[in-house]
Amino acid sequence: MDLSVLKSKTRIMKKELQINTLVGLLLLLSSCKSEKFDKKICTNLLFQKYKNTLTLNKIKSFKKNCKNIQIDYSMKICQKAFGQFFLGVKENTLKKRFGAQIMNCFTKSQIKKVKGKN
């Protein structure tokens, strides 16, 4: 086979590979669903943020998409609730004072340590 023919076929194969890769990426991107950020999703992301379980991408997404959404919890509320929990206030009392989801501010290990202490 002639060297020029071989080079030409190689170039064609590279172009086909590039086109197939682009088509594949486009299909992949178009199939990704966009997440709708509402109060519930943002609240769950907030709890994950407090527990340091969010990935960097989720943190960026939280900051971008949840900044205009009113969330019932804050770091200050979670810290206050944890202080009371640590001092012996029962889980049911915390839920009455701070809301049904307040225990989501704490990691499982924090809850286990405090319950073991009291």
PDB file of N, CA and C in Angstrom:
ATOM      1  N   MET A   1       0.838  -1.173   0.000  1.00  0.00           N
ATOM      2  CA  MET A   1       0.000   0.000   0.000  1.00  0.00           C
ATOM      3  C   MET A   1       0.888   1.243   0.000  1.00  0.00           C
ATOM      4  N   ASP A   2       0.470   2.219  -0.757  1.00  0.00           N
ATOM      5  CA  ASP A   2       1.204   3.466  -0.882  1.00  0.00           C
ATOM      6  C   ASP A   2       1.125   4.252   0.436  1.00  0.00           C
ATOM      7  N   LEU A   3       2.207   4.922   0.799  1.00  0.00           N
ATOM      8  CA  LEU A   3       2.289   5.683   2.054  1.00  0.00           C
ATOM      9  C   LEU A   3       1.278   6.826   2.070  1.00  0.00           C
ATOM     10  N   SER A   4       1.045   7.482   0.963  1.00  0.00           N
ATOM     11  CA  SER A   4       0.085   8.592   0.913  1.00  0.00           C
ATOM     12  C   SER A   4      -1.343   8.092   1.117  1.00  0.00           C
ATOM     13  N   VAL A   5      -1.653   6.918   0.593  1.00  0.00           N
ATOM     14  CA  VAL A   5      -2.982   6.326   0.774  1.00  0.00           C
ATOM     15  C   VAL A   5      -3.182   5.967   2.241  1.00  0.00           C
ATOM     16  N   LEU A   6      -2.139   5.415   2.839  1.00  0.00           N
ATOM     17  CA  LEU A   6      -2.195   5.049   4.253  1.00  0.00           C
ATOM     18  C   LEU A   6      -2.403   6.289   5.125  1.00  0.00           C
ATOM     19  N   LYS A   7      -1.705   7.366   4.854  1.00  0.00           N
ATOM     20  CA  LYS A   7      -1.867   8.623   5.598  1.00  0.00           C
ATOM     21  C   LYS A   7      -3.278   9.175   5.418  1.00  0.00           C
ATOM     22  N   SER A   8      -3.792   9.097   4.224  1.00  0.00           N
ATOM     23  CA  SER A   8      -5.136   9.586   3.936  1.00  0.00           C
ATOM     24  C   SER A   8      -6.184   8.787   4.712  1.00  0.00           C
ATOM     25  N   LYS A   9      -6.048   7.473   4.730  1.00  0.00           N
ATOM     26  CA  LYS A   9      -6.983   6.624   5.469  1.00  0.00           C
ATOM     27  C   LYS A   9      -6.890   6.906   6.972  1.00  0.00           C
ATOM     28  N   THR A  10      -5.689   7.136   7.452  1.00  0.00           N
ATOM     29  CA  THR A  10      -5.492   7.446   8.881  1.00  0.00           C
ATOM     30  C   THR A  10      -6.195   8.747   9.239  1.00  0.00           C
ATOM     31  N   ARG A  11      -6.060   9.752   8.375  1.00  0.00           N
ATOM     32  CA  ARG A  11      -6.728  11.040   8.619  1.00  0.00           C
ATOM     33  C   ARG A  11      -8.242  10.871   8.635  1.00  0.00           C
ATOM     34  N   ILE A  12      -8.760  10.093   7.711  1.00  0.00           N
ATOM     35  CA  ILE A  12     -10.206   9.844   7.635  1.00  0.00           C
ATOM     36  C   ILE A  12     -10.682   9.136   8.907  1.00  0.00           C
ATOM     37  N   MET A  13      -9.922   8.159   9.358  1.00  0.00           N
ATOM     38  CA  MET A  13     -10.293   7.433  10.579  1.00  0.00           C
ATOM     39  C   MET A  13     -10.269   8.353  11.799  1.00  0.00           C
ATOM     40  N   LYS A  14      -9.291   9.246  11.861  1.00  0.00           N
ATOM     41  CA  LYS A  14      -9.219  10.196  12.971  1.00  0.00           C
ATOM     42  C   LYS A  14     -10.428  11.130  12.958  1.00  0.00           C
ATOM     43  N   LYS A  15     -10.798  11.601  11.786  1.00  0.00           N
ATOM     44  CA  LYS A  15     -11.963  12.487  11.652  1.00  0.00           C
ATOM     45  C   LYS A  15     -13.239  11.759  12.082  1.00  0.00           C
ATOM     46  N   GLU A  16     -13.380  10.497  11.639  1.00  0.00           N
ATOM     47  CA  GLU A  16     -14.550   9.719  12.032  1.00  0.00           C
ATOM     48  C   GLU A  16     -14.600   9.533  13.548  1.00  0.00           C
ATOM     49  N   LEU A  17     -13.465   9.294  14.159  1.00  0.00           N
ATOM     50  CA  LEU A  17     -13.388   9.132  15.608  1.00  0.00           C
ATOM     51  C   LEU A  17     -13.782  10.432  16.316  1.00  0.00           C
ATOM     52  N   GLN A  18     -13.304  11.551  15.814  1.00  0.00           N
ATOM     53  CA  GLN A  18     -13.659  12.844  16.401  1.00  0.00           C
ATOM     54  C   GLN A  18     -15.161  13.102  16.292  1.00  0.00           C
ATOM     55  N   ILE A  19     -15.720  12.819  15.134  1.00  0.00           N
ATOM     56  CA  ILE A  19     -17.163  13.024  14.919  1.00  0.00           C
ATOM     57  C   ILE A  19     -17.967  12.116  15.838  1.00  0.00           C
ATOM     58  N   ASN A  20     -17.574  10.843  15.921  1.00  0.00           N
ATOM     59  CA  ASN A  20     -18.284   9.901  16.797  1.00  0.00           C
ATOM     60  C   ASN A  20     -18.190  10.322  18.266  1.00  0.00           C
ATOM     61  N   THR A  21     -17.048  10.826  18.657  1.00  0.00           N
ATOM     62  CA  THR A  21     -16.863  11.296  20.035  1.00  0.00           C
ATOM     63  C   THR A  21     -17.763  12.489  20.311  1.00  0.00           C
ATOM     64  N   LEU A  22     -17.811  13.433  19.380  1.00  0.00           N
ATOM     65  CA  LEU A  22     -18.671  14.611  19.552  1.00  0.00           C
ATOM     66  C   LEU A  22     -20.145  14.228  19.612  1.00  0.00           C
ATOM     67  N   VAL A  23     -20.561  13.334  18.750  1.00  0.00           N
ATOM     68  CA  VAL A  23     -21.956  12.873  18.754  1.00  0.00           C
ATOM     69  C   VAL A  23     -22.277  12.194  20.082  1.00  0.00           C
ATOM     70  N   GLY A  24     -21.361  11.361  20.551  1.00  0.00           N
ATOM     71  CA  GLY A  24     -21.560  10.687  21.832  1.00  0.00           C
ATOM     72  C   GLY A  24     -21.672  11.670  22.985  1.00  0.00           C
ATOM     73  N   LEU A  25     -20.812  12.673  23.003  1.00  0.00           N
ATOM     74  CA  LEU A  25     -20.868  13.704  24.051  1.00  0.00           C
ATOM     75  C   LEU A  25     -22.170  14.493  23.992  1.00  0.00           C
ATOM     76  N   LEU A  26     -22.599  14.837  22.790  1.00  0.00           N
ATOM     77  CA  LEU A  26     -23.858  15.566  22.640  1.00  0.00           C
ATOM     78  C   LEU A  26     -25.039  14.744  23.145  1.00  0.00           C
ATOM     79  N   LEU A  27     -25.056  13.458  22.817  1.00  0.00           N
ATOM     80  CA  LEU A  27     -26.125  12.586  23.295  1.00  0.00           C
ATOM     81  C   LEU A  27     -26.099  12.473  24.812  1.00  0.00           C
ATOM     82  N   LEU A  28     -24.916  12.355  25.364  1.00  0.00           N
ATOM     83  CA  LEU A  28     -24.769  12.244  26.813  1.00  0.00           C
ATOM     84  C   LEU A  28     -25.249  13.512  27.512  1.00  0.00           C
ATOM     85  N   LEU A  29     -24.845  14.656  26.997  1.00  0.00           N
ATOM     86  CA  LEU A  29     -25.243  15.930  27.605  1.00  0.00           C
ATOM     87  C   LEU A  29     -26.733  16.191  27.462  1.00  0.00           C
ATOM     88  N   SER A  30     -27.301  15.823  26.338  1.00  0.00           N
ATOM     89  CA  SER A  30     -28.724  16.072  26.133  1.00  0.00           C
ATOM     90  C   SER A  30     -29.591  15.140  26.967  1.00  0.00           C
ATOM     91  N   SER A  31     -29.047  13.985  27.348  1.00  0.00           N
ATOM     92  CA  SER A  31     -29.830  13.048  28.152  1.00  0.00           C
ATOM     93  C   SER A  31     -29.783  13.386  29.637  1.00  0.00           C
ATOM     94  N   CYS A  32     -28.861  14.244  30.048  1.00  0.00           N
ATOM     95  CA  CYS A  32     -28.773  14.629  31.461  1.00  0.00           C
ATOM     96  C   CYS A  32     -29.985  15.480  31.818  1.00  0.00           C
ATOM     97  N   LYS A  33     -30.650  15.099  32.899  1.00  0.00           N
ATOM     98  CA  LYS A  33     -31.796  15.897  33.319  1.00  0.00           C
ATOM     99  C   LYS A  33     -31.305  17.019  34.230  1.00  0.00           C
ATOM    100  N   SER A  34     -31.917  18.159  34.109  1.00  0.00           N
ATOM    101  CA  SER A  34     -31.536  19.252  34.984  1.00  0.00           C
ATOM    102  C   SER A  34     -32.394  19.166  36.241  1.00  0.00           C
ATOM    103  N   GLU A  35     -31.743  19.332  37.362  1.00  0.00           N
ATOM    104  CA  GLU A  35     -32.417  19.214  38.646  1.00  0.00           C
ATOM    105  C   GLU A  35     -33.122  20.529  38.962  1.00  0.00           C
ATOM    106  N   LYS A  36     -34.375  20.429  39.370  1.00  0.00           N
ATOM    107  CA  LYS A  36     -35.133  21.616  39.754  1.00  0.00           C
ATOM    108  C   LYS A  36     -34.900  21.851  41.234  1.00  0.00           C
ATOM    109  N   PHE A  37     -34.401  23.011  41.562  1.00  0.00           N
ATOM    110  CA  PHE A  37     -34.075  23.330  42.941  1.00  0.00           C
ATOM    111  C   PHE A  37     -35.264  23.996  43.612  1.00  0.00           C
ATOM    112  N   ASP A  38     -35.786  23.314  44.629  1.00  0.00           N
ATOM    113  CA  ASP A  38     -36.871  23.866  45.420  1.00  0.00           C
ATOM    114  C   ASP A  38     -36.447  23.874  46.882  1.00  0.00           C
ATOM    115  N   LYS A  39     -37.364  24.267  47.752  1.00  0.00           N
ATOM    116  CA  LYS A  39     -37.049  24.396  49.172  1.00  0.00           C
ATOM    117  C   LYS A  39     -36.577  23.066  49.767  1.00  0.00           C
ATOM    118  N   LYS A  40     -37.229  21.978  49.391  1.00  0.00           N
ATOM    119  CA  LYS A  40     -36.890  20.659  49.933  1.00  0.00           C
ATOM    120  C   LYS A  40     -35.474  20.238  49.521  1.00  0.00           C
ATOM    121  N   ILE A  41     -35.162  20.369  48.252  1.00  0.00           N
ATOM    122  CA  ILE A  41     -33.832  19.990  47.751  1.00  0.00           C
ATOM    123  C   ILE A  41     -32.760  20.873  48.379  1.00  0.00           C
ATOM    124  N   CYS A  42     -33.020  22.165  48.443  1.00  0.00           N
ATOM    125  CA  CYS A  42     -32.036  23.085  49.014  1.00  0.00           C
ATOM    126  C   CYS A  42     -31.830  22.830  50.511  1.00  0.00           C
ATOM    127  N   THR A  43     -32.901  22.482  51.214  1.00  0.00           N
ATOM    128  CA  THR A  43     -32.779  22.156  52.635  1.00  0.00           C
ATOM    129  C   THR A  43     -31.925  20.907  52.821  1.00  0.00           C
ATOM    130  N   ASN A  44     -32.157  19.892  52.012  1.00  0.00           N
ATOM    131  CA  ASN A  44     -31.346  18.670  52.095  1.00  0.00           C
ATOM    132  C   ASN A  44     -29.885  18.939  51.766  1.00  0.00           C
ATOM    133  N   LEU A  45     -29.640  19.775  50.766  1.00  0.00           N
ATOM    134  CA  LEU A  45     -28.266  20.138  50.429  1.00  0.00           C
ATOM    135  C   LEU A  45     -27.614  20.915  51.571  1.00  0.00           C
ATOM    136  N   LEU A  46     -28.394  21.765  52.216  1.00  0.00           N
ATOM    137  CA  LEU A  46     -27.887  22.540  53.354  1.00  0.00           C
ATOM    138  C   LEU A  46     -27.447  21.610  54.484  1.00  0.00           C
ATOM    139  N   PHE A  47     -28.271  20.611  54.796  1.00  0.00           N
ATOM    140  CA  PHE A  47     -27.909  19.652  55.837  1.00  0.00           C
ATOM    141  C   PHE A  47     -26.633  18.902  55.462  1.00  0.00           C
ATOM    142  N   GLN A  48     -26.528  18.508  54.197  1.00  0.00           N
ATOM    143  CA  GLN A  48     -25.318  17.810  53.743  1.00  0.00           C
ATOM    144  C   GLN A  48     -24.101  18.725  53.859  1.00  0.00           C
ATOM    145  N   LYS A  49     -24.316  20.004  53.577  1.00  0.00           N
ATOM    146  CA  LYS A  49     -23.222  20.966  53.676  1.00  0.00           C
ATOM    147  C   LYS A  49     -22.750  21.073  55.121  1.00  0.00           C
ATOM    148  N   TYR A  50     -23.674  21.144  56.062  1.00  0.00           N
ATOM    149  CA  TYR A  50     -23.317  21.233  57.475  1.00  0.00           C
ATOM    150  C   TYR A  50     -22.569  19.997  57.945  1.00  0.00           C
ATOM    151  N   LYS A  51     -22.923  18.840  57.369  1.00  0.00           N
ATOM    152  CA  LYS A  51     -22.285  17.589  57.772  1.00  0.00           C
ATOM    153  C   LYS A  51     -21.014  17.314  56.960  1.00  0.00           C
ATOM    154  N   ASN A  52     -20.646  18.243  56.092  1.00  0.00           N
ATOM    155  CA  ASN A  52     -19.466  18.106  55.225  1.00  0.00           C
ATOM    156  C   ASN A  52     -19.527  16.869  54.342  1.00  0.00           C
ATOM    157  N   THR A  53     -20.698  16.595  53.786  1.00  0.00           N
ATOM    158  CA  THR A  53     -20.835  15.432  52.909  1.00  0.00           C
ATOM    159  C   THR A  53     -21.154  15.832  51.463  1.00  0.00           C
ATOM    160  N   LEU A  54     -21.041  17.119  51.162  1.00  0.00           N
ATOM    161  CA  LEU A  54     -21.291  17.572  49.782  1.00  0.00           C
ATOM    162  C   LEU A  54     -20.011  17.540  48.967  1.00  0.00           C
ATOM    163  N   THR A  55     -20.138  17.155  47.722  1.00  0.00           N
ATOM    164  CA  THR A  55     -19.003  17.233  46.807  1.00  0.00           C
ATOM    165  C   THR A  55     -18.821  18.698  46.398  1.00  0.00           C
ATOM    166  N   LEU A  56     -17.685  18.996  45.842  1.00  0.00           N
ATOM    167  CA  LEU A  56     -17.397  20.364  45.406  1.00  0.00           C
ATOM    168  C   LEU A  56     -18.415  20.850  44.376  1.00  0.00           C
ATOM    169  N   ASN A  57     -18.801  19.975  43.444  1.00  0.00           N
ATOM    170  CA  ASN A  57     -19.785  20.355  42.427  1.00  0.00           C
ATOM    171  C   ASN A  57     -21.143  20.653  43.054  1.00  0.00           C
ATOM    172  N   LYS A  58     -21.536  19.850  44.055  1.00  0.00           N
ATOM    173  CA  LYS A  58     -22.820  20.080  44.721  1.00  0.00           C
ATOM    174  C   LYS A  58     -22.791  21.381  45.520  1.00  0.00           C
ATOM    175  N   ILE A  59     -21.640  21.708  46.112  1.00  0.00           N
ATOM    176  CA  ILE A  59     -21.517  22.970  46.850  1.00  0.00           C
ATOM    177  C   ILE A  59     -21.712  24.141  45.892  1.00  0.00           C
ATOM    178  N   LYS A  60     -21.061  24.072  44.737  1.00  0.00           N
ATOM    179  CA  LYS A  60     -21.214  25.126  43.729  1.00  0.00           C
ATOM    180  C   LYS A  60     -22.662  25.220  43.271  1.00  0.00           C
ATOM    181  N   SER A  61     -23.271  24.072  43.048  1.00  0.00           N
ATOM    182  CA  SER A  61     -24.660  24.022  42.616  1.00  0.00           C
ATOM    183  C   SER A  61     -25.579  24.603  43.692  1.00  0.00           C
ATOM    184  N   PHE A  62     -25.322  24.273  44.942  1.00  0.00           N
ATOM    185  CA  PHE A  62     -26.110  24.804  46.060  1.00  0.00           C
ATOM    186  C   PHE A  62     -26.005  26.331  46.104  1.00  0.00           C
ATOM    187  N   LYS A  63     -24.784  26.839  46.038  1.00  0.00           N
ATOM    188  CA  LYS A  63     -24.575  28.294  46.101  1.00  0.00           C
ATOM    189  C   LYS A  63     -25.271  29.006  44.947  1.00  0.00           C
ATOM    190  N   LYS A  64     -25.212  28.404  43.773  1.00  0.00           N
ATOM    191  CA  LYS A  64     -25.786  29.031  42.581  1.00  0.00           C
ATOM    192  C   LYS A  64     -27.315  28.969  42.570  1.00  0.00           C
ATOM    193  N   ASN A  65     -27.876  27.809  42.919  1.00  0.00           N
ATOM    194  CA  ASN A  65     -29.302  27.582  42.714  1.00  0.00           C
ATOM    195  C   ASN A  65     -30.180  27.795  43.944  1.00  0.00           C
ATOM    196  N   CYS A  66     -29.588  27.874  45.120  1.00  0.00           N
ATOM    197  CA  CYS A  66     -30.397  27.966  46.343  1.00  0.00           C
ATOM    198  C   CYS A  66     -30.310  29.337  47.015  1.00  0.00           C
ATOM    199  N   LYS A  67     -29.556  30.251  46.423  1.00  0.00           N
ATOM    200  CA  LYS A  67     -29.348  31.540  47.097  1.00  0.00           C
ATOM    201  C   LYS A  67     -30.633  32.360  47.238  1.00  0.00           C
ATOM    202  N   ASN A  68     -31.602  32.153  46.371  1.00  0.00           N
ATOM    203  CA  ASN A  68     -32.854  32.922  46.446  1.00  0.00           C
ATOM    204  C   ASN A  68     -34.010  32.125  47.039  1.00  0.00           C
ATOM    205  N   ILE A  69     -33.701  30.965  47.589  1.00  0.00           N
ATOM    206  CA  ILE A  69     -34.742  30.120  48.174  1.00  0.00           C
ATOM    207  C   ILE A  69     -34.684  30.222  49.690  1.00  0.00           C
ATOM    208  N   GLN A  70     -35.821  30.534  50.292  1.00  0.00           N
ATOM    209  CA  GLN A  70     -35.916  30.666  51.743  1.00  0.00           C
ATOM    210  C   GLN A  70     -35.856  29.274  52.383  1.00  0.00           C
ATOM    211  N   ILE A  71     -34.848  29.054  53.232  1.00  0.00           N
ATOM    212  CA  ILE A  71     -34.678  27.781  53.924  1.00  0.00           C
ATOM    213  C   ILE A  71     -34.899  28.027  55.414  1.00  0.00           C
ATOM    214  N   ASP A  72     -35.611  27.106  56.061  1.00  0.00           N
ATOM    215  CA  ASP A  72     -35.988  27.279  57.464  1.00  0.00           C
ATOM    216  C   ASP A  72     -34.843  27.052  58.443  1.00  0.00           C
ATOM    217  N   TYR A  73     -33.762  26.458  57.995  1.00  0.00           N
ATOM    218  CA  TYR A  73     -32.646  26.135  58.883  1.00  0.00           C
ATOM    219  C   TYR A  73     -31.423  26.953  58.498  1.00  0.00           C
ATOM    220  N   SER A  74     -30.540  27.140  59.461  1.00  0.00           N
ATOM    221  CA  SER A  74     -29.285  27.846  59.219  1.00  0.00           C
ATOM    222  C   SER A  74     -28.214  27.212  60.099  1.00  0.00           C
ATOM    223  N   MET A  75     -26.980  27.580  59.855  1.00  0.00           N
ATOM    224  CA  MET A  75     -25.884  27.058  60.667  1.00  0.00           C
ATOM    225  C   MET A  75     -26.083  27.461  62.126  1.00  0.00           C
ATOM    226  N   LYS A  76     -26.551  28.666  62.339  1.00  0.00           N
ATOM    227  CA  LYS A  76     -26.770  29.155  63.703  1.00  0.00           C
ATOM    228  C   LYS A  76     -27.823  28.297  64.427  1.00  0.00           C
ATOM    229  N   ILE A  77     -28.910  27.988  63.753  1.00  0.00           N
ATOM    230  CA  ILE A  77     -29.969  27.151  64.345  1.00  0.00           C
ATOM    231  C   ILE A  77     -29.437  25.750  64.629  1.00  0.00           C
ATOM    232  N   CYS A  78     -28.693  25.188  63.688  1.00  0.00           N
ATOM    233  CA  CYS A  78     -28.137  23.844  63.882  1.00  0.00           C
ATOM    234  C   CYS A  78     -27.165  23.823  65.061  1.00  0.00           C
ATOM    235  N   GLN A  79     -26.343  24.849  65.172  1.00  0.00           N
ATOM    236  CA  GLN A  79     -25.391  24.909  66.280  1.00  0.00           C
ATOM    237  C   GLN A  79     -26.111  25.055  67.618  1.00  0.00           C
ATOM    238  N   LYS A  80     -27.130  25.880  67.650  1.00  0.00           N
ATOM    239  CA  LYS A  80     -27.911  26.063  68.874  1.00  0.00           C
ATOM    240  C   LYS A  80     -28.587  24.751  69.282  1.00  0.00           C
ATOM    241  N   ALA A  81     -29.172  24.077  68.319  1.00  0.00           N
ATOM    242  CA  ALA A  81     -29.835  22.802  68.583  1.00  0.00           C
ATOM    243  C   ALA A  81     -28.830  21.758  69.063  1.00  0.00           C
ATOM    244  N   PHE A  82     -27.655  21.734  68.445  1.00  0.00           N
ATOM    245  CA  PHE A  82     -26.655  20.758  68.869  1.00  0.00           C
ATOM    246  C   PHE A  82     -26.180  21.042  70.285  1.00  0.00           C
ATOM    247  N   GLY A  83     -26.017  22.304  70.616  1.00  0.00           N
ATOM    248  CA  GLY A  83     -25.619  22.667  71.980  1.00  0.00           C
ATOM    249  C   GLY A  83     -26.626  22.154  72.996  1.00  0.00           C
ATOM    250  N   GLN A  84     -27.898  22.327  72.699  1.00  0.00           N
ATOM    251  CA  GLN A  84     -28.943  21.849  73.605  1.00  0.00           C
ATOM    252  C   GLN A  84     -28.961  20.321  73.648  1.00  0.00           C
ATOM    253  N   PHE A  85     -28.786  19.695  72.492  1.00  0.00           N
ATOM    254  CA  PHE A  85     -28.760  18.234  72.415  1.00  0.00           C
ATOM    255  C   PHE A  85     -27.598  17.696  73.255  1.00  0.00           C
ATOM    256  N   PHE A  86     -26.457  18.340  73.142  1.00  0.00           N
ATOM    257  CA  PHE A  86     -25.265  17.935  73.877  1.00  0.00           C
ATOM    258  C   PHE A  86     -25.474  18.072  75.392  1.00  0.00           C
ATOM    259  N   LEU A  87     -26.254  19.073  75.782  1.00  0.00           N
ATOM    260  CA  LEU A  87     -26.518  19.299  77.210  1.00  0.00           C
ATOM    261  C   LEU A  87     -27.633  18.402  77.761  1.00  0.00           C
ATOM    262  N   GLY A  88     -28.219  17.551  76.911  1.00  0.00           N
ATOM    263  CA  GLY A  88     -29.171  16.570  77.397  1.00  0.00           C
ATOM    264  C   GLY A  88     -30.610  16.756  76.974  1.00  0.00           C
ATOM    265  N   VAL A  89     -30.894  17.778  76.167  1.00  0.00           N
ATOM    266  CA  VAL A  89     -32.265  17.963  75.685  1.00  0.00           C
ATOM    267  C   VAL A  89     -32.594  16.805  74.745  1.00  0.00           C
ATOM    268  N   LYS A  90     -33.747  16.209  74.933  1.00  0.00           N
ATOM    269  CA  LYS A  90     -34.152  15.030  74.158  1.00  0.00           C
ATOM    270  C   LYS A  90     -34.506  15.398  72.716  1.00  0.00           C
ATOM    271  N   GLU A  91     -34.394  14.397  71.851  1.00  0.00           N
ATOM    272  CA  GLU A  91     -34.658  14.558  70.415  1.00  0.00           C
ATOM    273  C   GLU A  91     -36.050  15.107  70.144  1.00  0.00           C
ATOM    274  N   ASN A  92     -37.063  14.584  70.805  1.00  0.00           N
ATOM    275  CA  ASN A  92     -38.437  15.056  70.586  1.00  0.00           C
ATOM    276  C   ASN A  92     -38.594  16.529  70.943  1.00  0.00           C
ATOM    277  N   THR A  93     -37.939  16.949  72.013  1.00  0.00           N
ATOM    278  CA  THR A  93     -38.003  18.352  72.433  1.00  0.00           C
ATOM    279  C   THR A  93     -37.323  19.244  71.389  1.00  0.00           C
ATOM    280  N   LEU A  94     -36.192  18.786  70.873  1.00  0.00           N
ATOM    281  CA  LEU A  94     -35.491  19.555  69.830  1.00  0.00           C
ATOM    282  C   LEU A  94     -36.372  19.716  68.591  1.00  0.00           C
ATOM    283  N   LYS A  95     -37.068  18.643  68.214  1.00  0.00           N
ATOM    284  CA  LYS A  95     -37.934  18.703  67.040  1.00  0.00           C
ATOM    285  C   LYS A  95     -39.081  19.690  67.248  1.00  0.00           C
ATOM    286  N   LYS A  96     -39.611  19.744  68.469  1.00  0.00           N
ATOM    287  CA  LYS A  96     -40.672  20.711  68.765  1.00  0.00           C
ATOM    288  C   LYS A  96     -40.148  22.137  68.715  1.00  0.00           C
ATOM    289  N   ARG A  97     -38.936  22.357  69.222  1.00  0.00           N
ATOM    290  CA  ARG A  97     -38.354  23.701  69.272  1.00  0.00           C
ATOM    291  C   ARG A  97     -37.867  24.208  67.917  1.00  0.00           C
ATOM    292  N   PHE A  98     -37.223  23.304  67.165  1.00  0.00           N
ATOM    293  CA  PHE A  98     -36.523  23.744  65.953  1.00  0.00           C
ATOM    294  C   PHE A  98     -37.108  23.226  64.644  1.00  0.00           C
ATOM    295  N   GLY A  99     -38.031  22.287  64.708  1.00  0.00           N
ATOM    296  CA  GLY A  99     -38.613  21.732  63.495  1.00  0.00           C
ATOM    297  C   GLY A  99     -38.291  20.260  63.344  1.00  0.00           C
ATOM    298  N   ALA A 100     -39.132  19.594  62.584  1.00  0.00           N
ATOM    299  CA  ALA A 100     -39.064  18.137  62.446  1.00  0.00           C
ATOM    300  C   ALA A 100     -37.752  17.632  61.856  1.00  0.00           C
ATOM    301  N   GLN A 101     -37.079  18.447  61.086  1.00  0.00           N
ATOM    302  CA  GLN A 101     -35.865  17.988  60.401  1.00  0.00           C
ATOM    303  C   GLN A 101     -34.573  18.355  61.125  1.00  0.00           C
ATOM    304  N   ILE A 102     -34.664  18.881  62.330  1.00  0.00           N
ATOM    305  CA  ILE A 102     -33.480  19.406  63.010  1.00  0.00           C
ATOM    306  C   ILE A 102     -32.384  18.356  63.198  1.00  0.00           C
ATOM    307  N   MET A 103     -32.754  17.107  63.376  1.00  0.00           N
ATOM    308  CA  MET A 103     -31.744  16.072  63.602  1.00  0.00           C
ATOM    309  C   MET A 103     -30.887  15.833  62.345  1.00  0.00           C
ATOM    310  N   ASN A 104     -31.365  16.316  61.200  1.00  0.00           N
ATOM    311  CA  ASN A 104     -30.580  16.206  59.966  1.00  0.00           C
ATOM    312  C   ASN A 104     -29.363  17.122  59.971  1.00  0.00           C
ATOM    313  N   CYS A 105     -29.301  18.032  60.940  1.00  0.00           N
ATOM    314  CA  CYS A 105     -28.128  18.902  61.075  1.00  0.00           C
ATOM    315  C   CYS A 105     -26.909  18.111  61.565  1.00  0.00           C
ATOM    316  N   PHE A 106     -27.150  16.984  62.215  1.00  0.00           N
ATOM    317  CA  PHE A 106     -26.078  16.260  62.884  1.00  0.00           C
ATOM    318  C   PHE A 106     -25.723  14.991  62.133  1.00  0.00           C
ATOM    319  N   THR A 107     -24.465  14.616  62.225  1.00  0.00           N
ATOM    320  CA  THR A 107     -24.031  13.347  61.638  1.00  0.00           C
ATOM    321  C   THR A 107     -24.462  12.200  62.548  1.00  0.00           C
ATOM    322  N   LYS A 108     -24.477  11.008  61.993  1.00  0.00           N
ATOM    323  CA  LYS A 108     -24.839   9.829  62.789  1.00  0.00           C
ATOM    324  C   LYS A 108     -23.876   9.638  63.951  1.00  0.00           C
ATOM    325  N   SER A 109     -22.599   9.911  63.713  1.00  0.00           N
ATOM    326  CA  SER A 109     -21.614   9.730  64.787  1.00  0.00           C
ATOM    327  C   SER A 109     -21.825  10.756  65.904  1.00  0.00           C
ATOM    328  N   GLN A 110     -22.216  11.990  65.559  1.00  0.00           N
ATOM    329  CA  GLN A 110     -22.511  12.989  66.588  1.00  0.00           C
ATOM    330  C   GLN A 110     -23.687  12.534  67.445  1.00  0.00           C
ATOM    331  N   ILE A 111     -24.725  12.051  66.794  1.00  0.00           N
ATOM    332  CA  ILE A 111     -25.921  11.598  67.523  1.00  0.00           C
ATOM    333  C   ILE A 111     -25.560  10.414  68.430  1.00  0.00           C
ATOM    334  N   LYS A 112     -24.792   9.491  67.887  1.00  0.00           N
ATOM    335  CA  LYS A 112     -24.404   8.309  68.659  1.00  0.00           C
ATOM    336  C   LYS A 112     -23.576   8.708  69.892  1.00  0.00           C
ATOM    337  N   LYS A 113     -22.634   9.630  69.717  1.00  0.00           N
ATOM    338  CA  LYS A 113     -21.792  10.075  70.840  1.00  0.00           C
ATOM    339  C   LYS A 113     -22.625  10.752  71.919  1.00  0.00           C
ATOM    340  N   VAL A 114     -23.539  11.636  71.506  1.00  0.00           N
ATOM    341  CA  VAL A 114     -24.344  12.365  72.480  1.00  0.00           C
ATOM    342  C   VAL A 114     -25.308  11.420  73.194  1.00  0.00           C
ATOM    343  N   LYS A 115     -25.943  10.525  72.452  1.00  0.00           N
ATOM    344  CA  LYS A 115     -26.874   9.576  73.087  1.00  0.00           C
ATOM    345  C   LYS A 115     -26.127   8.638  74.019  1.00  0.00           C
ATOM    346  N   GLY A 116     -24.901   8.300  73.695  1.00  0.00           N
ATOM    347  CA  GLY A 116     -24.092   7.453  74.564  1.00  0.00           C
ATOM    348  C   GLY A 116     -23.648   8.170  75.820  1.00  0.00           C
ATOM    349  N   LYS A 117     -23.503   9.475  75.709  1.00  0.00           N
ATOM    350  CA  LYS A 117     -23.068  10.311  76.844  1.00  0.00           C
ATOM    351  C   LYS A 117     -24.212  10.507  77.827  1.00  0.00           C
ATOM    352  N   ASN A 118     -25.431  10.705  77.297  1.00  0.00           N
ATOM    353  CA  ASN A 118     -26.587  11.018  78.167  1.00  0.00           C
ATOM    354  C   ASN A 118     -27.247   9.772  78.692  1.00  0.00           C
TER     355      ASN A 118
END
